[in-house]
Amino acid sequence: MKNYQIDPRYKVSNREALIGIGLAIINFVWWYGFAYGLGGQPVEEYQFIFGLPAWFFYSCVLGFLVMSAVVFVVVRLFFTEVPFESEGMEEDQ
């Protein structure tokens, strides 16, 4: 019977994938909250920022800038370099 050992790279990639999913959910909640929260009123009552409706500015423009900064910080702090080669892993055949 062969004794299989799980490659430690899978643990790292699984954690980073979950972080990516969390960031996508945060981005969607941000976008949805501002787009439908501020955009759910009559057009005559809209406020404008730089010529754009406030709901669009906060959900799309500011949301993009904030999420870009958050993704940059998360990648720098929580993601690690993983080699593609399987050095040190003994393969039983």
Protein backbone atom coordinates (compact mmCIF):
# COMPACT_ATOMS: atom_id res chain seq x y z
CA MET A 1 0.00 0.00 0.00
CA LYS A 2 1.38 3.37 -0.99
CA ASN A 3 1.63 6.17 1.54
CA TYR A 4 0.56 9.37 -0.19
CA GLN A 5 1.66 12.69 1.24
CA ILE A 6 -0.26 15.81 0.29
CA ASP A 7 1.88 18.43 -1.38
CA PRO A 8 2.20 21.45 0.99
CA ARG A 9 1.69 23.76 -1.98
CA TYR A 10 -1.97 22.73 -2.04
CA LYS A 11 -2.47 24.10 1.48
CA VAL A 12 -0.98 27.46 0.45
CA SER A 13 -2.94 27.63 -2.79
CA ASN A 14 -6.19 26.67 -1.02
CA ARG A 15 -5.70 29.44 1.57
CA GLU A 16 -4.92 32.00 -1.12
CA ALA A 17 -7.96 30.92 -3.16
CA LEU A 18 -10.20 31.39 -0.11
CA ILE A 19 -8.71 34.85 0.44
CA GLY A 20 -9.45 35.67 -3.21
CA ILE A 21 -13.04 34.51 -2.85
CA GLY A 22 -13.40 36.62 0.30
CA LEU A 23 -12.09 39.69 -1.54
CA ALA A 24 -14.53 39.09 -4.40
CA ILE A 25 -17.42 38.85 -1.94
CA ILE A 26 -16.32 42.07 -0.21
CA ASN A 27 -16.10 43.79 -3.59
CA PHE A 28 -19.59 42.63 -4.55
CA VAL A 29 -21.09 43.74 -1.22
CA TRP A 30 -19.42 47.16 -1.58
CA TRP A 31 -20.67 47.56 -5.15
CA TYR A 32 -24.19 46.29 -4.43
CA GLY A 33 -24.56 48.37 -1.27
CA PHE A 34 -23.65 51.66 -2.91
CA ALA A 35 -25.22 50.98 -6.31
CA TYR A 36 -28.60 49.93 -5.00
CA GLY A 37 -28.49 51.78 -1.69
CA LEU A 38 -27.86 55.21 -3.19
CA GLY A 39 -29.30 54.45 -6.61
CA GLY A 40 -32.71 53.36 -5.37
CA GLN A 41 -34.19 56.85 -5.27
CA PRO A 42 -35.76 58.99 -8.01
CA VAL A 43 -33.29 60.45 -10.49
CA GLU A 44 -34.28 63.98 -9.52
CA GLU A 45 -32.91 63.39 -6.01
CA TYR A 46 -29.49 62.09 -7.10
CA GLN A 47 -26.39 63.83 -5.85
CA PHE A 48 -23.48 64.18 -8.25
CA ILE A 49 -19.73 63.88 -7.68
CA PHE A 50 -17.45 64.99 -10.54
CA GLY A 51 -20.47 64.87 -12.85
CA LEU A 52 -21.29 61.27 -11.96
CA PRO A 53 -24.22 60.10 -9.87
CA ALA A 54 -23.05 59.51 -6.29
CA TRP A 55 -24.11 55.86 -6.38
CA PHE A 56 -21.97 55.25 -9.47
CA PHE A 57 -19.00 57.17 -8.11
CA TYR A 58 -18.98 55.30 -4.79
CA SER A 59 -19.76 51.85 -6.20
CA CYS A 60 -17.63 51.87 -9.35
CA VAL A 61 -14.95 54.57 -9.15
CA LEU A 62 -14.16 54.68 -5.44
CA GLY A 63 -14.90 50.96 -5.09
CA PHE A 64 -12.32 50.17 -7.75
CA LEU A 65 -9.68 52.32 -6.08
CA VAL A 66 -10.37 50.95 -2.59
CA MET A 67 -10.44 47.32 -3.72
CA SER A 68 -7.26 47.78 -5.76
CA ALA A 69 -5.48 49.06 -2.65
CA VAL A 70 -6.94 46.27 -0.48
CA VAL A 71 -5.89 43.57 -2.98
CA PHE A 72 -2.38 45.07 -3.17
CA VAL A 73 -2.02 45.02 0.62
CA VAL A 74 -3.48 41.52 1.00
CA VAL A 75 -1.19 40.11 -1.69
CA ARG A 76 1.87 41.71 -0.10
CA LEU A 77 0.99 40.52 3.42
CA PHE A 78 -0.71 37.15 3.02
CA PHE A 79 0.38 35.59 -0.28
CA THR A 80 3.64 33.66 -0.52
CA GLU A 81 5.88 32.65 -3.38
CA VAL A 82 5.34 28.98 -4.22
CA PRO A 83 7.75 27.16 -6.53
CA PHE A 84 6.25 25.18 -9.39
CA GLU A 85 8.93 22.49 -9.21
CA SER A 86 8.37 19.61 -6.82
CA GLU A 87 11.89 19.66 -5.39
CA GLY A 88 12.26 17.63 -2.25
CA MET A 89 9.10 15.65 -2.94
CA GLU A 90 9.82 11.99 -3.46
CA GLU A 91 7.56 10.38 -5.99
CA ASP A 92 6.84 6.69 -5.54
CA GLN A 93 6.02 4.86 -8.71
